[in-house]
C-alpha atoms as a PDB file:
ATOM      1  CA  MET A   1     -48.595 -17.089 -46.559  1.00  0.00           C
ATOM      2  CA  LYS A   2     -48.837 -20.271 -44.709  1.00  0.00           C
ATOM      3  CA  GLN A   3     -45.009 -20.909 -45.030  1.00  0.00           C
ATOM      4  CA  ILE A   4     -44.627 -17.366 -43.235  1.00  0.00           C
ATOM      5  CA  ASN A   5     -46.895 -18.246 -40.466  1.00  0.00           C
ATOM      6  CA  LEU A   6     -45.282 -21.526 -39.923  1.00  0.00           C
ATOM      7  CA  ALA A   7     -41.857 -19.711 -39.817  1.00  0.00           C
ATOM      8  CA  LEU A   8     -43.108 -17.394 -37.339  1.00  0.00           C
ATOM      9  CA  MET A   9     -44.503 -20.104 -35.187  1.00  0.00           C
ATOM     10  CA  ALA A  10     -41.314 -21.597 -35.145  1.00  0.00           C
ATOM     11  CA  ALA A  11     -39.323 -18.644 -34.410  1.00  0.00           C
ATOM     12  CA  ALA A  12     -41.668 -18.139 -31.395  1.00  0.00           C
ATOM     13  CA  MET A  13     -41.269 -21.624 -30.126  1.00  0.00           C
ATOM     14  CA  LEU A  14     -37.677 -21.374 -30.136  1.00  0.00           C
ATOM     15  CA  LEU A  15     -37.549 -18.031 -28.318  1.00  0.00           C
ATOM     16  CA  LEU A  16     -40.166 -19.349 -25.710  1.00  0.00           C
ATOM     17  CA  ALA A  17     -37.927 -22.408 -25.103  1.00  0.00           C
ATOM     18  CA  ALA A  18     -34.755 -20.199 -24.674  1.00  0.00           C
ATOM     19  CA  CYS A  19     -36.506 -18.065 -22.197  1.00  0.00           C
ATOM     20  CA  GLN A  20     -37.515 -21.234 -20.241  1.00  0.00           C
ATOM     21  CA  LYS A  21     -34.220 -22.492 -20.177  1.00  0.00           C
ATOM     22  CA  LYS A  22     -32.788 -18.883 -19.140  1.00  0.00           C
ATOM     23  CA  ASN A  23     -35.400 -18.908 -16.219  1.00  0.00           C
ATOM     24  CA  SER A  24     -34.875 -22.388 -15.140  1.00  0.00           C
ATOM     25  CA  GLY A  25     -31.615 -21.670 -13.282  1.00  0.00           C
ATOM     26  CA  ASP A  26     -29.806 -24.290 -15.197  1.00  0.00           C
ATOM     27  CA  ASN A  27     -25.915 -23.737 -15.488  1.00  0.00           C
ATOM     28  CA  LEU A  28     -25.129 -22.776 -19.129  1.00  0.00           C
ATOM     29  CA  PRO A  29     -21.781 -23.844 -20.549  1.00  0.00           C
ATOM     30  CA  VAL A  30     -19.023 -21.146 -20.889  1.00  0.00           C
ATOM     31  CA  ASN A  31     -17.536 -20.927 -24.339  1.00  0.00           C
ATOM     32  CA  ASP A  32     -15.520 -17.877 -24.382  1.00  0.00           C
ATOM     33  CA  ASP A  33     -13.448 -15.638 -22.086  1.00  0.00           C
ATOM     34  CA  ALA A  34     -15.903 -12.775 -22.126  1.00  0.00           C
ATOM     35  CA  ALA A  35     -18.767 -15.034 -20.906  1.00  0.00           C
ATOM     36  CA  ALA A  36     -16.694 -16.508 -18.225  1.00  0.00           C
ATOM     37  CA  ASN A  37     -15.577 -13.011 -16.867  1.00  0.00           C
ATOM     38  CA  ALA A  38     -19.072 -11.910 -16.928  1.00  0.00           C
ATOM     39  CA  ILE A  39     -20.339 -14.942 -14.804  1.00  0.00           C
ATOM     40  CA  THR A  40     -17.285 -14.578 -12.561  1.00  0.00           C
ATOM     41  CA  ALA A  41     -17.869 -10.748 -12.019  1.00  0.00           C
ATOM     42  CA  ALA A  42     -21.529 -11.560 -11.054  1.00  0.00           C
ATOM     43  CA  ALA A  43     -20.643 -14.103  -8.551  1.00  0.00           C
ATOM     44  CA  ALA A  44     -17.653 -12.192  -7.020  1.00  0.00           C
ATOM     45  CA  CYS A  45     -17.775 -12.287  -3.143  1.00  0.00           C
ATOM     46  CA  GLN A  46     -18.383  -9.290  -0.918  1.00  0.00           C
ATOM     47  CA  PRO A  47     -16.562  -8.371   2.390  1.00  0.00           C
ATOM     48  CA  VAL A  48     -18.612  -9.322   5.544  1.00  0.00           C
ATOM     49  CA  TYR A  49     -17.728  -7.918   8.810  1.00  0.00           C
ATOM     50  CA  PHE A  50     -19.327  -6.629  12.007  1.00  0.00           C
ATOM     51  CA  GLY A  51     -19.509  -2.943  12.859  1.00  0.00           C
ATOM     52  CA  LEU A  52     -19.678  -1.270  16.257  1.00  0.00           C
ATOM     53  CA  ILE A  53     -21.848   1.927  15.803  1.00  0.00           C
ATOM     54  CA  VAL A  54     -22.037   4.586  18.662  1.00  0.00           C
ATOM     55  CA  ASP A  55     -24.837   7.248  18.631  1.00  0.00           C
ATOM     56  CA  PRO A  56     -22.582  10.468  19.346  1.00  0.00           C
ATOM     57  CA  GLY A  57     -25.547  12.146  21.053  1.00  0.00           C
ATOM     58  CA  THR A  58     -26.742   9.318  23.588  1.00  0.00           C
ATOM     59  CA  GLY A  59     -23.590   7.191  23.538  1.00  0.00           C
ATOM     60  CA  PHE A  60     -25.617   4.033  22.985  1.00  0.00           C
ATOM     61  CA  SER A  61     -23.773   1.301  21.366  1.00  0.00           C
ATOM     62  CA  TYR A  62     -25.257  -0.893  18.579  1.00  0.00           C
ATOM     63  CA  LEU A  63     -24.082  -4.026  16.610  1.00  0.00           C
ATOM     64  CA  PHE A  64     -24.458  -4.135  12.795  1.00  0.00           C
ATOM     65  CA  LYS A  65     -23.610  -6.733  10.415  1.00  0.00           C
ATOM     66  CA  VAL A  66     -21.956  -5.067   7.203  1.00  0.00           C
ATOM     67  CA  VAL A  67     -21.997  -6.534   3.689  1.00  0.00           C
ATOM     68  CA  GLY A  68     -20.021  -4.976   1.026  1.00  0.00           C
ATOM     69  CA  SER A  69     -17.474  -2.271   0.568  1.00  0.00           C
ATOM     70  CA  PRO A  70     -16.792   0.840  -1.705  1.00  0.00           C
ATOM     71  CA  SER A  71     -14.992  -1.335  -4.494  1.00  0.00           C
ATOM     72  CA  ALA A  72     -17.424  -4.441  -3.857  1.00  0.00           C
ATOM     73  CA  GLY A  73     -20.933  -2.963  -3.371  1.00  0.00           C
ATOM     74  CA  PRO A  74     -23.620  -2.486  -2.674  1.00  0.00           C
ATOM     75  CA  VAL A  75     -23.076  -1.929   0.976  1.00  0.00           C
ATOM     76  CA  SER A  76     -25.784  -2.993   3.518  1.00  0.00           C
ATOM     77  CA  LEU A  77     -26.053  -2.823   7.341  1.00  0.00           C
ATOM     78  CA  SER A  78     -28.311  -5.299   9.041  1.00  0.00           C
ATOM     79  CA  PRO A  79     -29.048  -5.015  12.905  1.00  0.00           C
ATOM     80  CA  VAL A  80     -27.783  -7.804  15.007  1.00  0.00           C
ATOM     81  CA  ILE A  81     -31.060  -8.362  16.861  1.00  0.00           C
ATOM     82  CA  GLY A  82     -31.011  -9.668  20.615  1.00  0.00           C
ATOM     83  CA  SER A  83     -33.494 -11.251  22.924  1.00  0.00           C
ATOM     84  CA  ALA A  84     -34.970  -7.892  23.792  1.00  0.00           C
ATOM     85  CA  GLY A  85     -35.626  -7.116  20.016  1.00  0.00           C
ATOM     86  CA  SER A  86     -32.925  -4.677  19.447  1.00  0.00           C
ATOM     87  CA  ASN A  87     -29.338  -4.477  18.344  1.00  0.00           C
ATOM     88  CA  GLN A  88     -28.394  -2.173  21.252  1.00  0.00           C
ATOM     89  CA  LEU A  89     -25.674  -3.390  23.591  1.00  0.00           C
ATOM     90  CA  THR A  90     -27.177  -3.633  27.163  1.00  0.00           C
ATOM     91  CA  THR A  91     -26.688  -5.736  30.025  1.00  0.00           C
ATOM     92  CA  CYS A  92     -29.199  -8.560  30.950  1.00  0.00           C
ATOM     93  CA  SER A  93     -30.969  -6.134  33.145  1.00  0.00           C
ATOM     94  CA  GLY A  94     -31.207  -3.512  30.459  1.00  0.00           C
ATOM     95  CA  ALA A  95     -28.552  -1.163  31.435  1.00  0.00           C
ATOM     96  CA  PRO A  96     -27.004   0.430  28.321  1.00  0.00           C
ATOM     97  CA  ILE A  97     -23.227   0.046  27.395  1.00  0.00           C
ATOM     98  CA  LYS A  98     -22.296   3.629  26.573  1.00  0.00           C
ATOM     99  CA  PHE A  99     -19.464   4.582  24.172  1.00  0.00           C
ATOM    100  CA  ALA A 100     -18.195   1.141  23.632  1.00  0.00           C
ATOM    101  CA  THR A 101     -14.732   1.279  22.047  1.00  0.00           C
ATOM    102  CA  GLY A 102     -14.295  -2.108  20.540  1.00  0.00           C
ATOM    103  CA  ILE A 103     -15.742  -5.292  19.219  1.00  0.00           C
ATOM    104  CA  SER A 104     -14.467  -8.907  18.205  1.00  0.00           C
ATOM    105  CA  TYR A 105     -16.152 -12.136  17.550  1.00  0.00           C
ATOM    106  CA  GLU A 106     -15.241 -15.769  18.118  1.00  0.00           C
ATOM    107  CA  PRO A 107     -16.768 -17.857  15.081  1.00  0.00           C
ATOM    108  CA  ALA A 108     -16.444 -21.160  16.822  1.00  0.00           C
ATOM    109  CA  SER A 109     -18.703 -20.300  19.985  1.00  0.00           C
ATOM    110  CA  GLY A 110     -20.497 -17.425  18.358  1.00  0.00           C
ATOM    111  CA  THR A 111     -19.250 -15.078  21.174  1.00  0.00           C
ATOM    112  CA  PHE A 112     -18.603 -11.399  20.992  1.00  0.00           C
ATOM    113  CA  TYR A 113     -15.927  -9.448  23.180  1.00  0.00           C
ATOM    114  CA  GLY A 114     -15.759  -5.902  23.458  1.00  0.00           C
ATOM    115  CA  THR A 115     -14.149  -3.064  25.372  1.00  0.00           C
ATOM    116  CA  THR A 116     -14.861   0.097  26.829  1.00  0.00           C
ATOM    117  CA  GLY A 117     -12.284   2.946  27.886  1.00  0.00           C
ATOM    118  CA  LEU A 118     -12.218   6.063  29.956  1.00  0.00           C
ATOM    119  CA  PRO A 119     -15.383   8.353  30.413  1.00  0.00           C
ATOM    120  CA  PRO A 120     -17.647   8.802  28.640  1.00  0.00           C
ATOM    121  CA  SER A 121     -17.410   5.030  28.297  1.00  0.00           C
ATOM    122  CA  SER A 122     -19.762   3.361  30.880  1.00  0.00           C
ATOM    123  CA  PRO A 123     -18.844   1.111  32.412  1.00  0.00           C
ATOM    124  CA  VAL A 124     -15.219   2.378  32.661  1.00  0.00           C
ATOM    125  CA  ASN A 125     -12.473   0.228  31.127  1.00  0.00           C
ATOM    126  CA  ASN A 126     -14.306  -3.011  31.026  1.00  0.00           C
ATOM    127  CA  ILE A 127     -14.247  -6.200  28.970  1.00  0.00           C
ATOM    128  CA  LEU A 128     -17.576  -7.055  27.394  1.00  0.00           C
ATOM    129  CA  LYS A 129     -18.644 -10.782  26.684  1.00  0.00           C
ATOM    130  CA  PHE A 130     -22.032 -11.760  24.921  1.00  0.00           C
ATOM    131  CA  ASN A 131     -23.644 -13.928  22.587  1.00  0.00           C
ATOM    132  CA  ASP A 132     -26.769 -11.625  22.783  1.00  0.00           C
ATOM    133  CA  PRO A 133     -26.285  -7.996  22.383  1.00  0.00           C
ATOM    134  CA  ASN A 134     -29.259  -7.394  24.833  1.00  0.00           C
ATOM    135  CA  CYS A 135     -27.463  -9.590  27.616  1.00  0.00           C
ATOM    136  CA  VAL A 136     -23.768  -8.246  27.841  1.00  0.00           C
ATOM    137  CA  SER A 137     -21.668  -9.321  30.689  1.00  0.00           C
ATOM    138  CA  PRO A 138     -19.199  -6.574  31.487  1.00  0.00           C
ATOM    139  CA  ALA A 139     -16.044  -7.318  33.685  1.00  0.00           C
ATOM    140  CA  ALA A 140     -13.458  -4.894  34.962  1.00  0.00           C
ATOM    141  CA  ALA A 141     -10.234  -5.041  33.186  1.00  0.00           C
ATOM    142  CA  VAL A 142      -7.339  -6.116  35.165  1.00  0.00           C
ATOM    143  CA  VAL A 143      -3.634  -4.989  34.595  1.00  0.00           C
ATOM    144  CA  SER A 144      -1.367  -8.089  34.830  1.00  0.00           C
ATOM    145  CA  GLY A 145       2.414  -8.004  35.109  1.00  0.00           C
ATOM    146  CA  CYS A 146       3.032  -4.305  34.091  1.00  0.00           C
ATOM    147  CA  ALA A 147       2.362  -0.732  35.245  1.00  0.00           C
ATOM    148  CA  LEU A 148      -0.276   0.696  32.979  1.00  0.00           C
ATOM    149  CA  SER A 149      -3.108   3.389  33.163  1.00  0.00           C
ATOM    150  CA  LEU A 150      -5.909   1.837  31.194  1.00  0.00           C
ATOM    151  CA  ASN A 151      -7.772   3.266  28.334  1.00  0.00           C
ATOM    152  CA  LEU A 152      -8.928   0.338  26.202  1.00  0.00           C
ATOM    153  CA  SER A 153     -10.302   0.256  22.608  1.00  0.00           C
ATOM    154  CA  ASP A 154     -10.186  -1.713  19.405  1.00  0.00           C
ATOM    155  CA  ILE A 155     -10.138  -5.300  20.312  1.00  0.00           C
ATOM    156  CA  GLU A 156      -9.381  -8.014  17.647  1.00  0.00           C
ATOM    157  CA  ARG A 157      -8.703 -11.769  17.757  1.00  0.00           C
ATOM    158  CA  ASP A 158      -5.759 -13.263  15.926  1.00  0.00           C
ATOM    159  CA  PRO A 159      -7.243 -15.967  13.803  1.00  0.00           C
ATOM    160  CA  VAL A 160      -3.975 -17.928  13.578  1.00  0.00           C
ATOM    161  CA  THR A 161      -3.439 -18.075  17.349  1.00  0.00           C
ATOM    162  CA  GLY A 162      -6.538 -17.224  18.807  1.00  0.00           C
ATOM    163  CA  ALA A 163      -4.918 -14.634  20.963  1.00  0.00           C
ATOM    164  CA  TYR A 164      -6.797 -11.202  21.439  1.00  0.00           C
ATOM    165  CA  TYR A 165      -5.077  -7.885  21.243  1.00  0.00           C
ATOM    166  CA  ALA A 166      -6.390  -4.455  21.957  1.00  0.00           C
ATOM    167  CA  ILE A 167      -5.078  -0.886  21.939  1.00  0.00           C
ATOM    168  CA  ASN A 168      -4.457   0.980  24.933  1.00  0.00           C
ATOM    169  CA  ARG A 169      -4.484   4.670  24.527  1.00  0.00           C
ATOM    170  CA  GLY A 170      -2.177   7.084  26.275  1.00  0.00           C
ATOM    171  CA  THR A 171      -0.738  10.590  26.047  1.00  0.00           C
ATOM    172  CA  ALA A 172       2.406   9.633  28.207  1.00  0.00           C
ATOM    173  CA  ASN A 173       4.783   6.782  28.360  1.00  0.00           C
ATOM    174  CA  PRO A 174       4.421   3.744  28.708  1.00  0.00           C
ATOM    175  CA  ASN A 175       0.708   3.856  28.343  1.00  0.00           C
ATOM    176  CA  ASN A 176       0.268   4.184  24.479  1.00  0.00           C
ATOM    177  CA  ARG A 177       0.550   0.611  23.153  1.00  0.00           C
ATOM    178  CA  VAL A 178      -0.861  -2.512  21.936  1.00  0.00           C
ATOM    179  CA  VAL A 179      -1.845  -5.095  24.642  1.00  0.00           C
ATOM    180  CA  LYS A 180      -2.624  -8.579  24.975  1.00  0.00           C
ATOM    181  CA  LEU A 181      -5.777  -9.668  26.694  1.00  0.00           C
ATOM    182  CA  GLY A 182      -6.383 -12.883  28.702  1.00  0.00           C
ATOM    183  CA  LEU A 183      -9.367 -13.937  26.851  1.00  0.00           C
ATOM    184  CA  PRO A 184     -11.292 -16.128  26.553  1.00  0.00           C
ATOM    185  CA  GLY A 185     -10.494 -17.108  29.949  1.00  0.00           C
ATOM    186  CA  SER A 186     -10.064 -13.814  32.009  1.00  0.00           C
ATOM    187  CA  PRO A 187     -10.214 -10.041  31.655  1.00  0.00           C
ATOM    188  CA  THR A 188      -6.622  -9.418  32.310  1.00  0.00           C
ATOM    189  CA  VAL A 189      -4.452  -6.915  30.356  1.00  0.00           C
ATOM    190  CA  SER A 190      -0.827  -7.697  29.821  1.00  0.00           C
ATOM    191  CA  CYS A 191       1.705  -5.330  28.078  1.00  0.00           C
ATOM    192  CA  LEU A 192       3.849  -6.374  25.119  1.00  0.00           C
ATOM    193  CA  PRO A 193       7.461  -5.276  25.826  1.00  0.00           C
ATOM    194  CA  ASN A 194       7.604  -2.157  23.845  1.00  0.00           C
ATOM    195  CA  PHE A 195       5.272   0.783  23.864  1.00  0.00           C
ATOM    196  CA  LEU A 196       4.473   3.431  21.206  1.00  0.00           C
ATOM    197  CA  SER A 197       5.230   7.191  21.122  1.00  0.00           C
ATOM    198  CA  PRO A 198       2.370   9.046  22.788  1.00  0.00           C
ATOM    199  CA  SER A 199       2.589  11.369  19.644  1.00  0.00           C
ATOM    200  CA  LEU A 200       0.960   8.417  17.604  1.00  0.00           C
ATOM    201  CA  TYR A 201      -2.782   8.661  17.857  1.00  0.00           C
ATOM    202  CA  ILE A 202      -3.541   4.947  17.297  1.00  0.00           C
ATOM    203  CA  ARG A 203      -6.978   3.788  16.254  1.00  0.00           C
ATOM    204  CA  GLY A 204      -8.646   0.797  14.517  1.00  0.00           C
ATOM    205  CA  LEU A 205      -6.708  -2.382  15.217  1.00  0.00           C
ATOM    206  CA  THR A 206      -7.110  -5.343  13.000  1.00  0.00           C
ATOM    207  CA  VAL A 207      -5.309  -8.726  12.389  1.00  0.00           C
ATOM    208  CA  THR A 208      -5.170 -10.317   8.872  1.00  0.00           C
ATOM    209  CA  LEU A 209      -5.829 -14.034   8.317  1.00  0.00           C
ATOM    210  CA  SER A 210      -2.129 -14.657   8.248  1.00  0.00           C
ATOM    211  CA  GLY A 211      -1.631 -13.125  11.649  1.00  0.00           C
ATOM    212  CA  LYS A 212      -0.239  -9.724  10.858  1.00  0.00           C
ATOM    213  CA  LEU A 213      -1.482  -6.952  13.188  1.00  0.00           C
ATOM    214  CA  TYR A 214      -1.969  -3.382  12.034  1.00  0.00           C
ATOM    215  CA  VAL A 215      -3.051  -0.253  13.644  1.00  0.00           C
ATOM    216  CA  MET A 216      -3.814   3.175  12.070  1.00  0.00           C
ATOM    217  CA  ALA A 217      -2.053   6.374  13.364  1.00  0.00           C
ATOM    218  CA  VAL A 218      -4.622   8.966  12.520  1.00  0.00           C
ATOM    219  CA  ASN A 219      -4.122  12.753  12.046  1.00  0.00           C
ATOM    220  CA  GLY A 220      -6.780  15.071  10.581  1.00  0.00           C
ATOM    221  CA  THR A 221      -8.284  13.401   7.506  1.00  0.00           C
ATOM    222  CA  GLY A 222      -5.488  10.849   6.969  1.00  0.00           C
ATOM    223  CA  GLY A 223      -3.602   8.075   8.472  1.00  0.00           C
ATOM    224  CA  ARG A 224      -0.804   5.682   8.395  1.00  0.00           C
ATOM    225  CA  LEU A 225      -1.100   1.933   8.753  1.00  0.00           C
ATOM    226  CA  LEU A 226       1.483   0.728  11.276  1.00  0.00           C
ATOM    227  CA  GLU A 227       2.351  -2.981  11.347  1.00  0.00           C
ATOM    228  CA  ILE A 228       2.945  -4.029  14.936  1.00  0.00           C
ATOM    229  CA  SER A 229       4.751  -7.044  16.112  1.00  0.00           C
ATOM    230  CA  THR A 230       2.748  -9.263  18.327  1.00  0.00           C
ATOM    231  CA  ALA A 231       5.791 -10.417  19.966  1.00  0.00           C
ATOM    232  CA  SER A 232       7.575  -7.164  20.897  1.00  0.00           C
ATOM    233  CA  GLY A 233       4.906  -4.521  20.270  1.00  0.00           C
ATOM    234  CA  SER A 234       7.187  -2.401  18.148  1.00  0.00           C
ATOM    235  CA  ILE A 235       6.563  -1.072  14.680  1.00  0.00           C
ATOM    236  CA  VAL A 236       7.628  -3.306  11.955  1.00  0.00           C
ATOM    237  CA  ASN A 237       6.619  -1.209   8.981  1.00  0.00           C
ATOM    238  CA  THR A 238       4.815   2.077   8.248  1.00  0.00           C
ATOM    239  CA  TYR A 239       2.506   2.637   5.064  1.00  0.00           C
ATOM    240  CA  SER A 240       0.637   5.787   4.175  1.00  0.00           C
ATOM    241  CA  TYR A 241      -3.057   5.015   3.692  1.00  0.00           C
ATOM    242  CA  PRO A 242      -3.713   6.232   0.173  1.00  0.00           C
ATOM    243  CA  GLY A 243      -6.787   8.460   0.669  1.00  0.00           C
ATOM    244  CA  PRO A 244      -8.685  10.187   3.526  1.00  0.00           C
ATOM    245  CA  ILE A 245     -10.368   8.274   6.226  1.00  0.00           C
ATOM    246  CA  THR A 246     -12.777  10.950   7.176  1.00  0.00           C
ATOM    247  CA  PRO A 247     -14.659  13.440   4.936  1.00  0.00           C
ATOM    248  CA  SER A 248     -13.742  16.479   6.815  1.00  0.00           C
ATOM    249  CA  PRO A 249     -11.439  17.510   9.698  1.00  0.00           C
ATOM    250  CA  GLY A 250     -14.301  17.700  12.259  1.00  0.00           C
ATOM    251  CA  VAL A 251     -11.806  16.425  14.821  1.00  0.00           C
ATOM    252  CA  ASN A 252      -8.101  16.212  14.714  1.00  0.00           C
ATOM    253  CA  ILE A 253      -8.011  12.708  15.954  1.00  0.00           C
ATOM    254  CA  PRO A 254     -11.092  10.881  14.369  1.00  0.00           C
ATOM    255  CA  GLU A 255     -12.293   7.825  15.833  1.00  0.00           C
ATOM    256  CA  MET A 256     -12.518   4.756  13.374  1.00  0.00           C
ATOM    257  CA  GLY A 257     -12.971   1.288  12.579  1.00  0.00           C
ATOM    258  CA  LEU A 258     -10.331  -0.770  10.755  1.00  0.00           C
ATOM    259  CA  HIS A 259     -10.760  -4.222   9.140  1.00  0.00           C
ATOM    260  CA  HIS A 260      -8.751  -6.201   6.647  1.00  0.00           C
ATOM    261  CA  ASP A 261     -10.801  -8.344   4.224  1.00  0.00           C
ATOM    262  CA  SER A 262      -8.424 -11.243   3.572  1.00  0.00           C
ATOM    263  CA  LEU A 263     -10.732 -13.407   1.546  1.00  0.00           C
ATOM    264  CA  CYS A 264     -12.757 -11.226  -1.198  1.00  0.00           C
ATOM    265  CA  ILE A 265     -11.115  -7.771  -1.853  1.00  0.00           C
ATOM    266  CA  LYS A 266      -8.134  -8.214   0.086  1.00  0.00           C
ATOM    267  CA  ARG A 267      -8.024  -4.678   1.119  1.00  0.00           C
ATOM    268  CA  PHE A 268      -8.147  -2.670   4.231  1.00  0.00           C
ATOM    269  CA  ILE A 269     -11.583  -1.190   5.005  1.00  0.00           C
ATOM    270  CA  THR A 270     -11.957   2.023   7.208  1.00  0.00           C
ATOM    271  CA  GLY A 271     -15.194   3.596   8.521  1.00  0.00           C
ATOM    272  CA  ASN A 272     -15.161   6.862  10.503  1.00  0.00           C
ATOM    273  CA  TYR A 273     -16.967   8.289  13.631  1.00  0.00           C
ATOM    274  CA  ASP A 274     -17.558  11.912  13.783  1.00  0.00           C
ATOM    275  CA  PRO A 275     -19.160  13.282  17.041  1.00  0.00           C
ATOM    276  CA  VAL A 276     -19.453  16.983  15.531  1.00  0.00           C
ATOM    277  CA  GLY A 277     -21.153  16.161  12.180  1.00  0.00           C
ATOM    278  CA  PRO A 278     -23.196  13.671  10.422  1.00  0.00           C
ATOM    279  CA  ALA A 279     -20.767  12.959   7.666  1.00  0.00           C
ATOM    280  CA  THR A 280     -19.341   9.351   7.418  1.00  0.00           C
ATOM    281  CA  LEU A 281     -16.708   7.881   5.062  1.00  0.00           C
ATOM    282  CA  LEU A 282     -16.255   4.278   4.287  1.00  0.00           C
ATOM    283  CA  THR A 283     -13.133   3.414   2.324  1.00  0.00           C
ATOM    284  CA  ASP A 284     -11.194   0.360   1.164  1.00  0.00           C
ATOM    285  CA  GLY A 285      -7.662   0.459  -0.017  1.00  0.00           C
ATOM    286  CA  ILE A 286      -4.197  -0.846  -0.247  1.00  0.00           C
ATOM    287  CA  PRO A 287      -1.181   1.472   0.611  1.00  0.00           C
ATOM    288  CA  SER A 288       1.685   1.801  -1.584  1.00  0.00           C
ATOM    289  CA  GLY A 289       4.394  -0.741  -0.417  1.00  0.00           C
ATOM    290  CA  LEU A 290       1.962  -3.803   0.064  1.00  0.00           C
ATOM    291  CA  PRO A 291       0.872  -6.146  -2.731  1.00  0.00           C
ATOM    292  CA  GLY A 292      -1.679  -4.686  -5.016  1.00  0.00           C
ATOM    293  CA  GLY A 293      -1.201  -0.870  -3.823  1.00  0.00           C
ATOM    294  CA  PRO A 294      -1.743   1.903  -4.106  1.00  0.00           C
ATOM    295  CA  VAL A 295      -5.611   1.676  -4.588  1.00  0.00           C
ATOM    296  CA  TYR A 296      -8.126   3.456  -2.783  1.00  0.00           C
ATOM    297  CA  THR A 297     -12.059   3.685  -3.229  1.00  0.00           C
ATOM    298  CA  PRO A 298     -14.227   6.067  -1.120  1.00  0.00           C
ATOM    299  CA  LEU A 299     -18.074   5.965  -0.575  1.00  0.00           C
ATOM    300  CA  SER A 300     -19.616   8.566   1.479  1.00  0.00           C
ATOM    301  CA  GLY A 301     -22.783   8.030   3.624  1.00  0.00           C
ATOM    302  CA  ALA A 302     -22.854   4.480   3.422  1.00  0.00           C
ATOM    303  CA  ILE A 303     -22.416   3.773   7.097  1.00  0.00           C
ATOM    304  CA  LYS A 304     -23.411   4.731  10.465  1.00  0.00           C
ATOM    305  CA  PRO A 305     -20.766   6.354  12.863  1.00  0.00           C
ATOM    306  CA  VAL A 306     -18.558   3.397  13.519  1.00  0.00           C
ATOM    307  CA  VAL A 307     -15.773   2.994  16.345  1.00  0.00           C
ATOM    308  CA  ASP A 308     -14.709  -0.546  15.496  1.00  0.00           C
ATOM    309  CA  PHE A 309     -14.978  -3.219  12.818  1.00  0.00           C
ATOM    310  CA  SER A 310     -14.590  -7.031  13.574  1.00  0.00           C
ATOM    311  CA  ARG A 311     -13.743 -10.004  11.565  1.00  0.00           C
ATOM    312  CA  PRO A 312     -16.851 -12.328  11.196  1.00  0.00           C
END
């Protein structure tokens, strides 16, 4: 009996030592592929990006930081709080920015740039600049060097060159096109040489870490990714997105955010804005024709109504 008790005590001491080792945070050696894969999966990074959220009822615009995606969850939204204690975009005097249409971020200075378009956006066709969402400085966009009727949206910074691009929406030639902005120096809007067909409802501009610019041509619940030349403004390639970008055809031309995560999942990420219903759909995917495609993962109800995403 004494030997049995000693054996039990020894086993208990070994178990206690093992638990203490596990809880100490020490890095354990990896001796096999299965263990290595398990640790790698647990440490896998998640996409991080900013989301411009608009309340369909009031038009108030809000800034959120988003972590995660459907294939790299969980997804969380954190409000970016300003000096007045909220994440709502307002001027320094408290006037709300309504129905903002685009957001971008410059990491070196921590400065956000944004856009507004035609009414119900307010102020109309402005370039927004802020470090504090409760102290936005709007400036009227000025067309430079071309004839253009303004309706701005979906701003993004090219991480290779530092140039800023946006969509100018239009239903007649030559207004429907990708434009280059004079940021960070001035709120000017200049035309790339070529415009896009007015039959293309382009939304959600993003630029990859390698400097490739994409927009989404939306129609009903689906869309096509268009690679656009930043030199000419013309379509370089067209790819069908491999799944729905909105949960239901509440509107024929849905608003949306588009982001390419070039660091973690190497997928496009979409989020929708539906002014006639509460449904939202967050997706990530790669279309056929691009490396790794086609893949598509949807997640319903994980995000608020989003009109633009931005690289962090």
